Amino acid sequence: MFRTLMIGAVSALTLPAAAFAQQGGTAQEARAMLDKAVAAVKADQTVAIAMFLKGEGGFLDRELYPFCFRIADGKTLASPKAVPAGTDVRTLKDASGNAYGEAIYRRSAEAGRSNH
């Protein structure tokens, strides 16, 4: 079950580095949220996704939030900001129009294969 779901703690990709540090959160905060999100999914995936969508339980901190999608089809499952559920992650672009979704999908799929 869990191997088919990729989850990450994401901060706004369009913010400059200085703004990220002030508004988005630190790498340590992102890692802590990721660890918390993984534990929540392992405990109860349905409840965890509902919490992620609502930004409840500490899963929305400034511009830092969990972002989940299925590796099988690239469709998003949970993100409390900007990306509606069911969006193909491979189509995501930042505010400048730069495509980043395909790279996220590819790296996640590669990581998923290496964890088997």
N, C-alpha and C. Protein backbone atom coordinates (compact mmCIF):
# COMPACT_ATOMS: atom_id res chain seq x y z
N MET A 1 0.83 -1.19 0.00
CA MET A 1 0.00 0.00 0.00
C MET A 1 0.88 1.26 0.00
N PHE A 2 1.79 1.38 0.96
CA PHE A 2 2.56 2.62 1.10
C PHE A 2 3.53 2.80 -0.05
N ARG A 3 4.02 1.73 -0.64
CA ARG A 3 4.99 1.87 -1.73
C ARG A 3 4.38 2.50 -2.97
N THR A 4 3.08 2.47 -3.09
CA THR A 4 2.44 3.05 -4.27
C THR A 4 2.16 4.54 -4.10
N LEU A 5 2.43 5.08 -2.93
CA LEU A 5 2.13 6.47 -2.63
C LEU A 5 3.43 7.20 -2.34
N MET A 6 3.67 8.29 -3.06
CA MET A 6 4.84 9.11 -2.76
C MET A 6 4.36 10.30 -1.97
N ILE A 7 5.08 10.61 -0.94
CA ILE A 7 4.71 11.74 -0.09
C ILE A 7 5.95 12.55 0.21
N GLY A 8 5.79 13.82 0.21
CA GLY A 8 6.90 14.70 0.54
C GLY A 8 6.39 15.96 1.21
N ALA A 9 7.23 16.57 1.95
CA ALA A 9 6.90 17.87 2.53
C ALA A 9 7.44 18.90 1.55
N VAL A 10 6.55 19.70 1.02
CA VAL A 10 6.90 20.61 -0.06
C VAL A 10 6.77 22.05 0.41
N SER A 11 7.68 22.87 -0.02
CA SER A 11 7.56 24.30 0.20
C SER A 11 7.41 24.95 -1.16
N ALA A 12 6.86 26.12 -1.19
CA ALA A 12 6.61 26.80 -2.46
C ALA A 12 7.88 26.84 -3.30
N LEU A 13 7.79 26.36 -4.50
CA LEU A 13 8.96 26.25 -5.36
C LEU A 13 9.31 27.56 -6.06
N THR A 14 8.41 28.52 -6.00
CA THR A 14 8.63 29.76 -6.73
C THR A 14 9.24 30.87 -5.88
N LEU A 15 9.39 30.64 -4.58
CA LEU A 15 9.95 31.67 -3.71
C LEU A 15 11.46 31.74 -3.85
N PRO A 16 12.03 32.94 -3.84
CA PRO A 16 13.49 33.04 -3.82
C PRO A 16 14.03 32.46 -2.51
N ALA A 17 15.29 32.11 -2.51
CA ALA A 17 15.89 31.44 -1.36
C ALA A 17 15.70 32.21 -0.06
N ALA A 18 15.86 33.52 -0.08
CA ALA A 18 15.72 34.31 1.14
C ALA A 18 14.29 34.27 1.66
N ALA A 19 13.34 34.35 0.77
CA ALA A 19 11.93 34.29 1.18
C ALA A 19 11.61 32.90 1.71
N PHE A 20 12.19 31.87 1.09
CA PHE A 20 11.95 30.50 1.55
C PHE A 20 12.38 30.36 3.00
N ALA A 21 13.53 30.87 3.32
CA ALA A 21 14.04 30.74 4.68
C ALA A 21 13.13 31.45 5.68
N GLN A 22 12.54 32.56 5.26
CA GLN A 22 11.70 33.34 6.16
C GLN A 22 10.28 32.82 6.22
N GLN A 23 9.72 32.41 5.06
CA GLN A 23 8.32 32.06 4.99
C GLN A 23 8.06 30.56 4.84
N GLY A 24 8.91 29.89 4.10
CA GLY A 24 8.63 28.52 3.72
C GLY A 24 9.00 27.49 4.77
N GLY A 25 10.02 27.74 5.52
CA GLY A 25 10.48 26.78 6.50
C GLY A 25 11.88 26.29 6.16
N THR A 26 12.50 25.68 7.12
CA THR A 26 13.86 25.18 6.93
C THR A 26 13.82 23.74 6.44
N ALA A 27 14.97 23.27 6.01
CA ALA A 27 15.09 21.87 5.59
C ALA A 27 14.76 20.95 6.76
N GLN A 28 15.16 21.33 7.96
CA GLN A 28 14.88 20.50 9.14
C GLN A 28 13.38 20.46 9.42
N GLU A 29 12.70 21.60 9.24
CA GLU A 29 11.25 21.63 9.45
C GLU A 29 10.53 20.79 8.40
N ALA A 30 11.02 20.86 7.16
CA ALA A 30 10.42 20.05 6.10
C ALA A 30 10.62 18.56 6.39
N ARG A 31 11.79 18.19 6.84
CA ARG A 31 12.06 16.78 7.15
C ARG A 31 11.20 16.31 8.31
N ALA A 32 11.03 17.15 9.32
CA ALA A 32 10.19 16.79 10.47
C ALA A 32 8.74 16.58 10.02
N MET A 33 8.25 17.46 9.14
CA MET A 33 6.89 17.29 8.64
C MET A 33 6.78 16.02 7.80
N LEU A 34 7.78 15.75 6.98
CA LEU A 34 7.78 14.54 6.17
C LEU A 34 7.71 13.30 7.06
N ASP A 35 8.54 13.25 8.08
CA ASP A 35 8.53 12.10 9.00
C ASP A 35 7.18 11.95 9.68
N LYS A 36 6.59 13.06 10.07
CA LYS A 36 5.27 13.04 10.71
C LYS A 36 4.20 12.57 9.71
N ALA A 37 4.29 13.02 8.47
CA ALA A 37 3.33 12.63 7.44
C ALA A 37 3.44 11.14 7.12
N VAL A 38 4.66 10.64 7.02
CA VAL A 38 4.86 9.21 6.76
C VAL A 38 4.25 8.38 7.89
N ALA A 39 4.49 8.78 9.12
CA ALA A 39 3.91 8.06 10.27
C ALA A 39 2.38 8.10 10.22
N ALA A 40 1.81 9.24 9.85
CA ALA A 40 0.36 9.36 9.76
C ALA A 40 -0.20 8.44 8.68
N VAL A 41 0.46 8.36 7.53
CA VAL A 41 0.01 7.49 6.44
C VAL A 41 0.10 6.03 6.85
N LYS A 42 1.18 5.66 7.52
CA LYS A 42 1.32 4.28 7.97
C LYS A 42 0.25 3.91 8.99
N ALA A 43 -0.14 4.86 9.82
CA ALA A 43 -1.17 4.60 10.84
C ALA A 43 -2.55 4.46 10.22
N ASP A 44 -2.91 5.36 9.30
CA ASP A 44 -4.22 5.32 8.64
C ASP A 44 -4.18 6.25 7.44
N GLN A 45 -3.98 5.68 6.26
CA GLN A 45 -3.82 6.47 5.04
C GLN A 45 -5.01 7.37 4.77
N THR A 46 -6.21 6.88 4.94
CA THR A 46 -7.41 7.68 4.66
C THR A 46 -7.50 8.90 5.56
N VAL A 47 -7.27 8.69 6.85
CA VAL A 47 -7.31 9.80 7.81
C VAL A 47 -6.17 10.78 7.52
N ALA A 48 -5.00 10.26 7.23
CA ALA A 48 -3.85 11.13 6.95
C ALA A 48 -4.11 12.02 5.75
N ILE A 49 -4.62 11.46 4.68
CA ILE A 49 -4.88 12.25 3.47
C ILE A 49 -5.92 13.33 3.76
N ALA A 50 -6.94 12.99 4.52
CA ALA A 50 -7.96 13.99 4.89
C ALA A 50 -7.32 15.13 5.68
N MET A 51 -6.41 14.80 6.60
CA MET A 51 -5.73 15.83 7.39
C MET A 51 -4.84 16.70 6.49
N PHE A 52 -4.15 16.07 5.54
CA PHE A 52 -3.27 16.82 4.64
C PHE A 52 -4.09 17.81 3.82
N LEU A 53 -5.23 17.35 3.31
CA LEU A 53 -6.07 18.21 2.47
C LEU A 53 -6.57 19.43 3.23
N LYS A 54 -6.88 19.24 4.51
CA LYS A 54 -7.39 20.33 5.33
C LYS A 54 -6.28 21.14 5.99
N GLY A 55 -5.07 20.63 5.95
CA GLY A 55 -3.97 21.31 6.62
C GLY A 55 -4.07 21.18 8.13
N GLU A 56 -4.74 20.14 8.59
CA GLU A 56 -4.93 19.93 10.03
C GLU A 56 -3.77 19.15 10.64
N GLY A 57 -3.71 19.19 11.96
CA GLY A 57 -2.73 18.39 12.68
C GLY A 57 -1.29 18.84 12.47
N GLY A 58 -1.12 20.11 12.14
CA GLY A 58 0.24 20.62 11.92
C GLY A 58 0.74 20.34 10.52
N PHE A 59 -0.14 19.97 9.59
CA PHE A 59 0.28 19.67 8.23
C PHE A 59 0.13 20.85 7.28
N LEU A 60 0.13 22.05 7.82
CA LEU A 60 0.21 23.27 7.02
C LEU A 60 0.90 24.30 7.90
N ASP A 61 2.14 24.62 7.55
CA ASP A 61 2.95 25.55 8.32
C ASP A 61 3.59 26.54 7.36
N ARG A 62 3.04 27.76 7.34
CA ARG A 62 3.48 28.77 6.38
C ARG A 62 3.29 28.21 4.97
N GLU A 63 4.35 28.04 4.21
CA GLU A 63 4.26 27.47 2.87
C GLU A 63 4.76 26.02 2.85
N LEU A 64 4.78 25.38 3.98
CA LEU A 64 5.27 24.01 4.09
C LEU A 64 4.09 23.09 4.33
N TYR A 65 3.96 22.05 3.51
CA TYR A 65 2.82 21.14 3.61
C TYR A 65 3.14 19.82 2.92
N PRO A 66 2.43 18.74 3.30
CA PRO A 66 2.63 17.46 2.61
C PRO A 66 2.03 17.52 1.21
N PHE A 67 2.63 16.80 0.32
CA PHE A 67 2.17 16.69 -1.06
C PHE A 67 2.25 15.22 -1.43
N CYS A 68 1.14 14.61 -1.80
CA CYS A 68 1.11 13.18 -2.07
C CYS A 68 0.57 12.89 -3.45
N PHE A 69 1.15 11.89 -4.10
CA PHE A 69 0.61 11.41 -5.37
C PHE A 69 0.90 9.92 -5.52
N ARG A 70 0.09 9.27 -6.38
CA ARG A 70 0.29 7.85 -6.67
C ARG A 70 1.35 7.71 -7.75
N ILE A 71 2.28 6.81 -7.55
CA ILE A 71 3.31 6.57 -8.55
C ILE A 71 2.70 5.94 -9.79
N ALA A 72 1.71 5.09 -9.62
CA ALA A 72 1.12 4.37 -10.75
C ALA A 72 0.62 5.28 -11.86
N ASP A 73 -0.04 6.38 -11.50
CA ASP A 73 -0.61 7.25 -12.52
C ASP A 73 -0.21 8.72 -12.39
N GLY A 74 0.56 9.06 -11.37
CA GLY A 74 1.01 10.43 -11.19
C GLY A 74 -0.05 11.39 -10.66
N LYS A 75 -1.22 10.88 -10.28
CA LYS A 75 -2.32 11.74 -9.82
C LYS A 75 -2.14 12.13 -8.36
N THR A 76 -2.33 13.43 -8.09
CA THR A 76 -2.21 13.92 -6.73
C THR A 76 -3.37 13.42 -5.87
N LEU A 77 -3.05 13.14 -4.62
CA LEU A 77 -4.05 12.70 -3.66
C LEU A 77 -4.31 13.76 -2.62
N ALA A 78 -3.25 14.46 -2.21
CA ALA A 78 -3.42 15.41 -1.12
C ALA A 78 -2.40 16.53 -1.21
N SER A 79 -2.92 17.72 -1.13
CA SER A 79 -2.12 18.93 -1.04
C SER A 79 -3.07 20.02 -0.61
N PRO A 80 -2.84 20.65 0.54
CA PRO A 80 -3.80 21.66 1.01
C PRO A 80 -3.74 22.96 0.24
N LYS A 81 -2.78 23.11 -0.64
CA LYS A 81 -2.61 24.37 -1.36
C LYS A 81 -2.37 24.11 -2.84
N ALA A 82 -2.93 24.93 -3.65
CA ALA A 82 -2.58 25.10 -5.06
C ALA A 82 -2.81 23.93 -6.01
N VAL A 83 -2.64 22.69 -5.60
CA VAL A 83 -2.74 21.57 -6.52
C VAL A 83 -3.96 20.72 -6.16
N PRO A 84 -5.02 20.79 -6.97
CA PRO A 84 -6.22 20.01 -6.66
C PRO A 84 -5.96 18.51 -6.76
N ALA A 85 -6.67 17.73 -5.95
CA ALA A 85 -6.58 16.27 -6.01
C ALA A 85 -6.94 15.82 -7.41
N GLY A 86 -6.22 14.83 -7.91
CA GLY A 86 -6.47 14.30 -9.24
C GLY A 86 -5.64 14.94 -10.33
N THR A 87 -4.86 15.97 -9.99
CA THR A 87 -3.98 16.60 -10.97
C THR A 87 -2.81 15.68 -11.27
N ASP A 88 -2.44 15.56 -12.52
CA ASP A 88 -1.27 14.76 -12.90
C ASP A 88 -0.03 15.56 -12.52
N VAL A 89 0.73 15.06 -11.57
CA VAL A 89 1.90 15.77 -11.05
C VAL A 89 2.90 16.09 -12.16
N ARG A 90 2.92 15.29 -13.21
CA ARG A 90 3.87 15.49 -14.30
C ARG A 90 3.61 16.77 -15.09
N THR A 91 2.43 17.37 -14.92
CA THR A 91 2.08 18.59 -15.65
C THR A 91 2.36 19.87 -14.87
N LEU A 92 2.85 19.78 -13.65
CA LEU A 92 3.03 20.95 -12.80
C LEU A 92 4.13 21.87 -13.30
N LYS A 93 3.85 23.17 -13.22
CA LYS A 93 4.81 24.21 -13.60
C LYS A 93 4.81 25.27 -12.50
N ASP A 94 5.93 25.97 -12.33
CA ASP A 94 5.99 27.04 -11.34
C ASP A 94 5.39 28.31 -11.93
N ALA A 95 5.39 29.37 -11.15
CA ALA A 95 4.77 30.64 -11.57
C ALA A 95 5.42 31.23 -12.81
N SER A 96 6.67 30.87 -13.07
CA SER A 96 7.38 31.36 -14.26
C SER A 96 7.15 30.48 -15.48
N GLY A 97 6.40 29.38 -15.29
CA GLY A 97 6.13 28.48 -16.40
C GLY A 97 7.13 27.36 -16.57
N ASN A 98 8.08 27.26 -15.64
CA ASN A 98 9.07 26.20 -15.71
C ASN A 98 8.47 24.88 -15.23
N ALA A 99 8.56 23.85 -16.04
CA ALA A 99 8.03 22.54 -15.69
C ALA A 99 8.93 21.89 -14.64
N TYR A 100 8.33 21.44 -13.56
CA TYR A 100 9.08 20.73 -12.53
C TYR A 100 8.41 19.41 -12.16
N GLY A 101 7.18 19.22 -12.54
CA GLY A 101 6.42 18.04 -12.16
C GLY A 101 6.98 16.74 -12.70
N GLU A 102 7.45 16.75 -13.94
CA GLU A 102 8.01 15.53 -14.53
C GLU A 102 9.23 15.07 -13.74
N ALA A 103 10.07 16.00 -13.31
CA ALA A 103 11.26 15.64 -12.53
C ALA A 103 10.87 15.05 -11.18
N ILE A 104 9.85 15.64 -10.53
CA ILE A 104 9.38 15.10 -9.25
C ILE A 104 8.88 13.67 -9.45
N TYR A 105 8.08 13.47 -10.48
CA TYR A 105 7.52 12.14 -10.75
C TYR A 105 8.64 11.14 -11.03
N ARG A 106 9.55 11.50 -11.92
CA ARG A 106 10.62 10.59 -12.33
C ARG A 106 11.49 10.19 -11.13
N ARG A 107 11.89 11.19 -10.33
CA ARG A 107 12.74 10.88 -9.16
C ARG A 107 12.00 10.01 -8.15
N SER A 108 10.73 10.29 -7.97
CA SER A 108 9.93 9.50 -7.02
C SER A 108 9.76 8.07 -7.51
N ALA A 109 9.50 7.91 -8.79
CA ALA A 109 9.35 6.57 -9.36
C ALA A 109 10.65 5.79 -9.24
N GLU A 110 11.78 6.45 -9.50
CA GLU A 110 13.09 5.81 -9.36
C GLU A 110 13.35 5.41 -7.92
N ALA A 111 13.02 6.29 -6.98
CA ALA A 111 13.20 5.98 -5.56
C ALA A 111 12.31 4.82 -5.14
N GLY A 112 11.09 4.80 -5.65
CA GLY A 112 10.16 3.71 -5.34
C GLY A 112 10.68 2.38 -5.83
N ARG A 113 11.27 2.36 -7.03
CA ARG A 113 11.82 1.11 -7.58
C ARG A 113 13.02 0.64 -6.77
N SER A 114 13.84 1.59 -6.30
CA SER A 114 15.04 1.20 -5.56
C SER A 114 14.73 0.74 -4.14
N ASN A 115 13.51 1.02 -3.64
CA ASN A 115 13.13 0.60 -2.30
C ASN A 115 12.48 -0.78 -2.26
N HIS A 116 12.36 -1.42 -3.40
CA HIS A 116 11.71 -2.75 -3.43
C HIS A 116 12.69 -3.83 -3.13
